N, C-alpha and C. Protein backbone atom coordinates (compact mmCIF):
# COMPACT_ATOMS: atom_id res chain seq x y z
N MET A 1 54.85 -25.08 -49.88
CA MET A 1 55.21 -26.63 -49.88
C MET A 1 56.26 -27.00 -48.81
N PRO A 2 55.43 -28.19 -48.19
CA PRO A 2 56.39 -28.60 -47.16
C PRO A 2 57.68 -28.92 -47.51
N ALA A 3 58.49 -28.63 -46.52
CA ALA A 3 60.16 -29.04 -46.68
C ALA A 3 60.48 -30.29 -47.27
N GLY A 4 59.66 -31.23 -46.83
CA GLY A 4 60.05 -32.90 -46.97
C GLY A 4 59.77 -33.14 -48.62
N ARG A 5 58.78 -32.62 -49.01
CA ARG A 5 58.40 -32.78 -50.64
C ARG A 5 59.58 -32.08 -51.52
N SER A 6 60.03 -31.04 -50.97
CA SER A 6 61.18 -30.59 -51.77
C SER A 6 62.38 -31.05 -51.40
N ALA A 7 62.87 -31.66 -50.14
CA ALA A 7 63.95 -32.18 -50.27
C ALA A 7 63.85 -33.70 -51.04
N ARG A 8 62.79 -34.29 -50.79
CA ARG A 8 62.47 -35.45 -51.81
C ARG A 8 63.00 -35.36 -53.14
N ALA A 9 62.12 -34.34 -53.86
CA ALA A 9 62.61 -34.10 -55.26
C ALA A 9 63.96 -33.58 -55.54
N ARG A 10 64.67 -33.18 -54.60
CA ARG A 10 65.97 -32.72 -54.92
C ARG A 10 66.73 -33.96 -54.94
N GLY A 11 66.37 -35.15 -53.99
CA GLY A 11 67.02 -36.27 -53.80
C GLY A 11 66.69 -37.02 -55.15
N LEU A 12 65.72 -36.95 -55.58
CA LEU A 12 65.24 -37.66 -56.95
C LEU A 12 65.91 -37.36 -58.14
N ARG A 13 66.39 -35.69 -58.01
CA ARG A 13 66.75 -35.34 -59.21
C ARG A 13 68.28 -35.84 -59.16
N THR A 14 68.85 -35.87 -58.00
CA THR A 14 70.59 -36.38 -57.70
C THR A 14 70.37 -37.86 -57.99
N ASN A 15 69.41 -38.75 -57.93
CA ASN A 15 69.52 -40.10 -57.88
C ASN A 15 68.57 -40.54 -59.11
N MET A 16 68.70 -40.08 -60.33
CA MET A 16 67.67 -40.42 -61.39
C MET A 16 68.33 -41.62 -61.83
N THR A 17 67.11 -42.48 -62.28
CA THR A 17 67.60 -43.72 -62.85
C THR A 17 68.21 -43.62 -64.24
N ASP A 18 68.62 -44.70 -64.82
CA ASP A 18 69.14 -44.40 -66.29
C ASP A 18 68.05 -44.13 -67.07
N THR A 19 66.96 -44.78 -66.93
CA THR A 19 65.74 -44.41 -67.61
C THR A 19 65.64 -42.90 -67.81
N GLU A 20 65.13 -42.49 -66.60
CA GLU A 20 64.83 -41.00 -66.44
C GLU A 20 65.98 -40.28 -67.04
N ARG A 21 67.45 -40.35 -66.69
CA ARG A 21 68.55 -39.83 -67.37
C ARG A 21 68.41 -39.56 -68.83
N LYS A 22 68.14 -40.74 -69.54
CA LYS A 22 68.13 -40.84 -71.00
C LYS A 22 66.79 -39.75 -71.43
N LEU A 23 65.57 -39.99 -70.72
CA LEU A 23 64.55 -39.12 -71.31
C LEU A 23 64.87 -37.53 -70.95
N TRP A 24 65.50 -37.42 -69.88
CA TRP A 24 65.70 -36.01 -69.39
C TRP A 24 66.79 -35.38 -70.39
N TYR A 25 67.54 -36.29 -70.87
CA TYR A 25 68.56 -35.78 -71.95
C TYR A 25 67.97 -35.21 -73.26
N ALA A 26 66.79 -35.86 -73.69
CA ALA A 26 66.26 -35.55 -74.69
C ALA A 26 65.18 -34.34 -74.51
N LEU A 27 64.86 -34.29 -73.15
CA LEU A 27 63.84 -32.98 -73.00
C LEU A 27 64.53 -31.85 -72.59
N ARG A 28 65.61 -32.02 -72.06
CA ARG A 28 66.27 -30.62 -71.43
C ARG A 28 66.58 -29.72 -72.50
N ASP A 29 66.93 -28.36 -71.86
CA ASP A 29 67.14 -27.45 -72.73
C ASP A 29 66.36 -27.16 -73.90
N ARG A 30 65.01 -27.31 -73.58
CA ARG A 30 63.98 -26.95 -74.80
C ARG A 30 64.42 -27.69 -76.23
N ARG A 31 65.17 -28.78 -75.95
CA ARG A 31 65.37 -29.50 -77.13
C ARG A 31 64.06 -30.15 -77.85
N LEU A 32 63.13 -30.38 -77.36
CA LEU A 32 61.91 -30.85 -77.92
C LEU A 32 60.93 -29.67 -78.40
N ASN A 33 60.87 -29.16 -79.53
CA ASN A 33 60.33 -28.27 -80.31
C ASN A 33 60.31 -26.80 -79.39
N GLY A 34 61.19 -26.66 -78.44
CA GLY A 34 61.21 -25.36 -77.57
C GLY A 34 60.52 -25.36 -76.51
N ALA A 35 59.87 -26.67 -76.23
CA ALA A 35 59.09 -26.87 -74.88
C ALA A 35 60.15 -26.96 -73.58
N LYS A 36 59.61 -26.24 -72.49
CA LYS A 36 60.48 -26.34 -71.32
C LYS A 36 59.88 -27.11 -70.57
N PHE A 37 60.73 -28.23 -70.24
CA PHE A 37 60.59 -29.21 -69.15
C PHE A 37 61.24 -29.05 -67.99
N ARG A 38 60.56 -29.50 -66.77
CA ARG A 38 61.53 -29.55 -65.72
C ARG A 38 61.37 -31.08 -65.09
N ARG A 39 62.61 -31.51 -64.28
CA ARG A 39 62.17 -32.86 -63.74
C ARG A 39 62.17 -32.91 -62.37
N GLN A 40 61.84 -34.07 -61.75
CA GLN A 40 61.30 -34.21 -60.35
C GLN A 40 60.71 -32.94 -59.62
N VAL A 41 59.45 -32.47 -59.85
CA VAL A 41 59.08 -31.30 -59.59
C VAL A 41 57.85 -31.60 -58.72
N PRO A 42 57.84 -31.04 -57.30
CA PRO A 42 56.74 -31.19 -56.52
C PRO A 42 55.36 -30.43 -57.10
N ILE A 43 54.51 -31.31 -57.13
CA ILE A 43 53.27 -30.38 -57.58
C ILE A 43 51.91 -31.12 -56.74
N GLY A 44 51.58 -30.25 -55.83
CA GLY A 44 50.56 -30.50 -55.03
C GLY A 44 51.24 -31.67 -53.95
N PRO A 45 50.52 -32.86 -53.73
CA PRO A 45 51.03 -33.94 -52.79
C PRO A 45 52.16 -34.81 -53.41
N TYR A 46 52.46 -34.43 -54.86
CA TYR A 46 53.02 -35.41 -55.64
C TYR A 46 54.35 -34.89 -56.09
N VAL A 47 55.53 -35.70 -56.82
CA VAL A 47 56.48 -35.19 -57.30
C VAL A 47 56.30 -35.93 -58.70
N ALA A 48 56.33 -34.95 -59.72
CA ALA A 48 55.98 -35.57 -61.11
C ALA A 48 57.63 -35.82 -61.47
N ASP A 49 57.81 -36.98 -62.27
CA ASP A 49 59.10 -37.18 -63.14
C ASP A 49 59.59 -35.90 -63.84
N PHE A 50 58.60 -35.49 -64.90
CA PHE A 50 58.76 -34.30 -65.54
C PHE A 50 57.48 -33.77 -65.97
N VAL A 51 57.76 -32.39 -66.08
CA VAL A 51 56.51 -31.48 -66.37
C VAL A 51 57.01 -30.36 -67.13
N CYS A 52 55.90 -30.16 -67.95
CA CYS A 52 55.99 -28.92 -68.79
C CYS A 52 54.80 -28.27 -68.42
N PHE A 53 54.97 -27.03 -67.85
CA PHE A 53 53.98 -26.29 -67.06
C PHE A 53 53.19 -25.62 -68.46
N ASP A 54 53.85 -25.28 -69.44
CA ASP A 54 53.11 -24.40 -70.58
C ASP A 54 52.05 -25.40 -71.10
N ALA A 55 52.32 -26.68 -71.26
CA ALA A 55 51.34 -27.49 -71.96
C ALA A 55 50.64 -28.28 -70.89
N ARG A 56 50.82 -28.17 -69.57
CA ARG A 56 50.00 -28.77 -68.53
C ARG A 56 50.19 -30.21 -68.93
N LEU A 57 51.57 -30.60 -68.90
CA LEU A 57 51.82 -31.96 -69.33
C LEU A 57 52.77 -32.42 -68.22
N VAL A 58 52.34 -33.74 -67.68
CA VAL A 58 53.38 -34.41 -66.56
C VAL A 58 53.65 -35.69 -67.59
N ILE A 59 55.03 -36.06 -67.43
CA ILE A 59 55.32 -37.29 -67.85
C ILE A 59 55.93 -38.23 -66.93
N GLU A 60 55.35 -39.30 -66.71
CA GLU A 60 55.91 -40.37 -65.72
C GLU A 60 56.46 -41.59 -66.62
N VAL A 61 57.79 -41.86 -65.88
CA VAL A 61 58.36 -43.32 -66.43
C VAL A 61 58.57 -44.36 -65.35
N ASP A 62 57.60 -45.31 -65.75
CA ASP A 62 57.39 -46.48 -64.69
C ASP A 62 58.09 -47.68 -64.88
N GLY A 63 58.41 -48.40 -63.86
CA GLY A 63 58.88 -49.55 -64.05
C GLY A 63 57.89 -50.71 -63.83
N GLY A 64 58.15 -52.01 -63.80
CA GLY A 64 57.26 -53.13 -63.78
C GLY A 64 56.66 -53.01 -62.41
N GLN A 65 56.96 -52.40 -61.25
CA GLN A 65 56.19 -52.29 -59.95
C GLN A 65 54.94 -51.54 -60.06
N HIS A 66 54.99 -50.54 -61.53
CA HIS A 66 53.70 -50.05 -61.42
C HIS A 66 52.51 -50.47 -62.29
N ALA A 67 52.48 -51.69 -62.74
CA ALA A 67 51.64 -52.34 -63.30
C ALA A 67 50.45 -52.32 -62.42
N ASP A 68 49.36 -52.16 -63.04
CA ASP A 68 48.05 -52.16 -62.40
C ASP A 68 48.03 -51.36 -61.22
N SER A 69 48.96 -50.28 -60.73
CA SER A 69 48.88 -49.63 -59.44
C SER A 69 47.63 -48.79 -59.33
N VAL A 70 47.11 -49.13 -58.10
CA VAL A 70 45.89 -48.31 -57.75
C VAL A 70 46.52 -46.79 -57.31
N SER A 71 47.48 -46.90 -56.77
CA SER A 71 47.95 -45.40 -56.23
C SER A 71 48.40 -44.56 -57.52
N ASP A 72 48.61 -45.12 -58.66
CA ASP A 72 49.19 -44.31 -59.75
C ASP A 72 47.60 -43.77 -60.29
N GLY A 73 46.61 -44.71 -60.36
CA GLY A 73 45.24 -44.08 -60.95
C GLY A 73 44.84 -42.86 -60.02
N ILE A 74 45.01 -43.13 -58.62
CA ILE A 74 44.47 -41.85 -57.69
C ILE A 74 45.37 -40.65 -58.25
N ARG A 75 46.64 -40.95 -58.45
CA ARG A 75 47.73 -39.83 -58.79
C ARG A 75 47.39 -39.18 -59.98
N ASP A 76 47.03 -40.02 -60.97
CA ASP A 76 46.69 -39.52 -62.28
C ASP A 76 45.55 -38.55 -62.26
N ARG A 77 44.43 -39.12 -61.39
CA ARG A 77 43.16 -38.13 -61.10
C ARG A 77 43.39 -37.06 -60.78
N TRP A 78 44.15 -36.95 -59.61
CA TRP A 78 44.50 -35.69 -58.88
C TRP A 78 45.21 -34.72 -59.98
N PHE A 79 46.22 -35.24 -60.88
CA PHE A 79 46.65 -34.43 -61.73
C PHE A 79 45.62 -33.95 -62.71
N GLU A 80 44.86 -34.77 -63.21
CA GLU A 80 43.74 -34.42 -64.34
C GLU A 80 42.67 -33.24 -63.51
N ALA A 81 42.32 -33.57 -62.31
CA ALA A 81 41.60 -32.81 -61.51
C ALA A 81 42.06 -31.29 -61.52
N ASN A 82 43.48 -31.06 -61.47
CA ASN A 82 44.22 -29.96 -61.74
C ASN A 82 44.74 -29.62 -62.78
N ARG A 83 44.16 -29.97 -63.76
CA ARG A 83 44.15 -29.36 -65.30
C ARG A 83 45.64 -29.91 -65.81
N PHE A 84 46.02 -31.11 -65.38
CA PHE A 84 47.35 -31.44 -65.84
C PHE A 84 47.01 -32.64 -66.93
N ARG A 85 47.74 -33.07 -67.92
CA ARG A 85 47.50 -34.17 -68.73
C ARG A 85 48.65 -35.16 -68.12
N VAL A 86 48.45 -36.37 -68.01
CA VAL A 86 49.47 -37.42 -67.72
C VAL A 86 49.95 -38.33 -69.00
N LEU A 87 50.98 -38.41 -69.23
CA LEU A 87 51.61 -39.44 -70.07
C LEU A 87 52.59 -40.53 -69.29
N ARG A 88 51.97 -41.80 -69.35
CA ARG A 88 53.02 -42.80 -68.72
C ARG A 88 53.66 -43.49 -69.72
N PHE A 89 55.08 -43.70 -69.37
CA PHE A 89 55.89 -44.68 -70.23
C PHE A 89 56.49 -45.66 -69.26
N TRP A 90 56.63 -46.94 -69.86
CA TRP A 90 57.30 -47.93 -69.35
C TRP A 90 58.93 -47.62 -69.50
N ASN A 91 59.72 -48.02 -68.58
CA ASN A 91 61.11 -47.94 -68.72
C ASN A 91 61.62 -48.35 -70.12
N ASN A 92 60.96 -49.74 -70.24
CA ASN A 92 61.40 -50.40 -71.39
C ASN A 92 61.17 -49.54 -72.93
N ASP A 93 60.03 -48.75 -72.81
CA ASP A 93 59.74 -48.18 -74.11
C ASP A 93 60.73 -46.85 -74.15
N VAL A 94 61.37 -46.31 -72.83
CA VAL A 94 62.25 -45.31 -73.14
C VAL A 94 63.37 -45.65 -73.52
N LEU A 95 63.90 -46.99 -73.22
CA LEU A 95 65.32 -47.39 -73.45
C LEU A 95 65.54 -48.10 -74.93
N THR A 96 64.23 -48.84 -75.38
CA THR A 96 64.19 -49.24 -76.55
C THR A 96 63.56 -48.56 -77.84
N ASN A 97 62.79 -47.60 -77.36
CA ASN A 97 61.87 -47.17 -78.33
C ASN A 97 61.72 -45.34 -78.07
N LEU A 98 62.89 -44.77 -77.87
CA LEU A 98 62.84 -43.31 -77.44
C LEU A 98 62.29 -42.66 -78.60
N ASP A 99 62.57 -42.75 -80.03
CA ASP A 99 61.94 -42.00 -80.87
C ASP A 99 60.42 -41.98 -80.76
N GLY A 100 60.07 -43.28 -80.68
CA GLY A 100 58.26 -43.18 -80.62
C GLY A 100 57.77 -42.48 -79.42
N VAL A 101 58.64 -42.66 -78.39
CA VAL A 101 58.30 -41.85 -77.04
C VAL A 101 58.28 -40.46 -77.26
N MET A 102 59.10 -39.89 -78.07
CA MET A 102 59.44 -38.32 -78.20
C MET A 102 58.38 -37.81 -79.15
N ILE A 103 57.94 -38.97 -80.13
CA ILE A 103 56.63 -38.43 -80.97
C ILE A 103 55.40 -38.26 -80.29
N THR A 104 55.34 -39.09 -79.30
CA THR A 104 54.08 -38.99 -78.44
C THR A 104 54.01 -37.48 -77.63
N ILE A 105 55.10 -37.56 -77.12
CA ILE A 105 55.35 -36.45 -76.24
C ILE A 105 55.03 -35.04 -77.08
N VAL A 106 55.83 -34.94 -78.17
CA VAL A 106 55.69 -33.89 -79.15
C VAL A 106 54.20 -33.63 -79.47
N GLU A 107 53.42 -34.56 -79.83
CA GLU A 107 52.07 -34.60 -80.17
C GLU A 107 51.22 -34.21 -79.05
N ALA A 108 51.56 -34.39 -77.77
CA ALA A 108 50.73 -34.15 -76.51
C ALA A 108 51.05 -32.51 -76.32
N VAL A 109 52.30 -32.15 -76.75
CA VAL A 109 52.68 -30.60 -76.53
C VAL A 109 52.14 -29.80 -77.65
N ARG A 110 52.05 -30.32 -78.86
CA ARG A 110 51.32 -29.56 -79.81
C ARG A 110 49.77 -29.49 -79.84
N SER A 111 49.32 -30.46 -79.02
CA SER A 111 47.72 -30.39 -78.90
C SER A 111 47.13 -29.49 -78.06
N VAL A 112 48.10 -28.78 -77.34
CA VAL A 112 47.77 -27.78 -76.53
C VAL A 112 47.24 -26.39 -77.21
N THR A 113 45.91 -25.93 -76.97
CA THR A 113 45.46 -25.07 -77.35
C THR A 113 46.20 -23.72 -76.73
N PRO A 114 46.69 -22.81 -77.35
CA PRO A 114 47.43 -21.49 -76.67
C PRO A 114 46.42 -20.75 -76.12
N HIS A 115 46.68 -19.84 -74.95
CA HIS A 115 46.10 -19.06 -74.03
C HIS A 115 45.75 -17.88 -75.18
N PRO A 116 44.63 -17.21 -75.10
CA PRO A 116 44.53 -16.10 -75.95
C PRO A 116 45.28 -14.85 -75.34
N ALA A 117 45.73 -14.08 -76.17
CA ALA A 117 46.73 -13.13 -75.95
C ALA A 117 45.88 -12.19 -75.16
N LEU A 118 46.63 -11.74 -73.85
CA LEU A 118 46.03 -10.51 -73.28
C LEU A 118 46.28 -9.41 -73.92
N PRO A 119 45.39 -8.59 -73.56
CA PRO A 119 45.65 -7.15 -74.18
C PRO A 119 46.92 -6.40 -73.47
N ARG A 120 47.81 -5.94 -74.04
CA ARG A 120 48.98 -5.28 -73.32
C ARG A 120 48.54 -3.92 -72.69
N ALA A 121 49.07 -3.68 -71.71
CA ALA A 121 48.80 -2.55 -71.04
C ALA A 121 49.48 -1.29 -71.74
N PRO A 122 48.69 0.02 -72.02
CA PRO A 122 49.46 0.80 -72.87
C PRO A 122 50.70 1.36 -72.11
N SER A 123 51.69 2.01 -73.01
CA SER A 123 52.80 2.35 -72.44
C SER A 123 52.71 3.74 -71.79
N PRO A 124 53.49 4.35 -70.80
CA PRO A 124 53.09 5.42 -69.92
C PRO A 124 53.29 6.73 -71.14
N VAL A 125 53.98 6.48 -72.03
CA VAL A 125 53.83 7.61 -73.26
C VAL A 125 52.55 7.57 -73.94
N ALA A 126 51.97 6.50 -74.18
CA ALA A 126 50.64 6.39 -74.91
C ALA A 126 49.61 7.00 -73.98
N GLN A 127 49.59 6.53 -72.68
CA GLN A 127 48.79 7.10 -71.54
C GLN A 127 48.90 8.41 -71.47
N LEU A 128 50.01 9.31 -71.56
CA LEU A 128 50.08 10.63 -71.40
C LEU A 128 49.59 11.33 -72.88
N ARG A 129 49.96 10.69 -73.78
CA ARG A 129 49.32 11.13 -75.08
C ARG A 129 47.73 11.11 -75.01
N ASP A 130 47.18 10.05 -74.46
CA ASP A 130 45.79 9.81 -74.51
C ASP A 130 45.13 11.02 -73.28
N ALA A 131 45.75 11.17 -72.39
CA ALA A 131 45.29 11.96 -71.23
C ALA A 131 45.43 13.24 -71.51
N ARG A 132 46.49 13.73 -72.26
CA ARG A 132 46.52 15.49 -72.51
C ARG A 132 46.36 15.71 -74.24
N GLY A 133 46.39 14.47 -74.94
CA GLY A 133 45.96 15.02 -76.19
C GLY A 133 47.07 15.42 -77.03
N GLU A 134 48.16 15.15 -76.50
CA GLU A 134 49.34 15.48 -77.20
C GLU A 134 50.53 14.39 -76.94
N GLY A 135 51.53 14.48 -77.72
CA GLY A 135 52.54 13.60 -77.57
C GLY A 135 53.59 14.00 -76.20
N ALA A 136 54.28 12.97 -75.91
CA ALA A 136 55.17 13.27 -74.85
C ALA A 136 56.22 14.34 -75.17
N GLU A 137 56.57 14.44 -76.43
CA GLU A 137 57.56 15.50 -76.89
C GLU A 137 57.04 16.69 -76.38
N SER A 138 55.83 17.19 -76.86
CA SER A 138 55.27 18.25 -76.62
C SER A 138 55.40 18.67 -75.05
N CYS A 139 55.06 17.64 -74.22
CA CYS A 139 55.26 17.69 -72.91
C CYS A 139 56.85 18.13 -72.47
N LEU A 140 57.61 17.85 -72.92
CA LEU A 140 59.15 17.96 -72.64
C LEU A 140 59.48 19.35 -72.64
N LYS A 141 58.58 20.05 -73.77
CA LYS A 141 58.86 21.34 -73.99
C LYS A 141 58.42 22.26 -72.62
N ASP A 142 57.66 21.96 -71.94
CA ASP A 142 56.97 22.65 -70.75
C ASP A 142 58.08 22.70 -69.88
N ILE A 143 59.05 21.91 -69.82
CA ILE A 143 59.94 21.71 -68.56
C ILE A 143 60.96 22.50 -68.91
C-alpha cells in the first residue's frame, strides 16, 4: 500500500467528524453483536469509513456533498467487485436515528453466510499414533 494512503487514513482517524465519532462509538470494541469493525481503513485505492472484514461490509457516512455522486458509484462498484457490500448512511440519519442505523448494520452482518469450517490439521500426537499404530505414551518408553 502506498505510504500516501496510509498517512491519509491515519489523518482521517485523527480528524473524524462528529457523525463518524458517534457511529464509531457504537461500533468499536465489538459492541455490535461481537462484530469487529475498523475505522478509516485503506482498501485498494480507497479509504473506507468503517469496515468489518469478517462480514466483508463497508460502511460509509456521507454529508450532502455526496448526493448523486458519480465517484461514489464508481467506488461502490469497486468494493462490490472485490466482494465487499457497501452500506451508505447520511450524516443526518446517524445523528438523529442511530438505532435505525444500527439495526440496518446488524441485519447486514447477520446476513453473512459463514465460511465452511476447514478441517483441522491432526495434532503431532495423532500423526505419530497413526504412523506407528500406537500412542505417544508407548513411544516415550523407548527413550
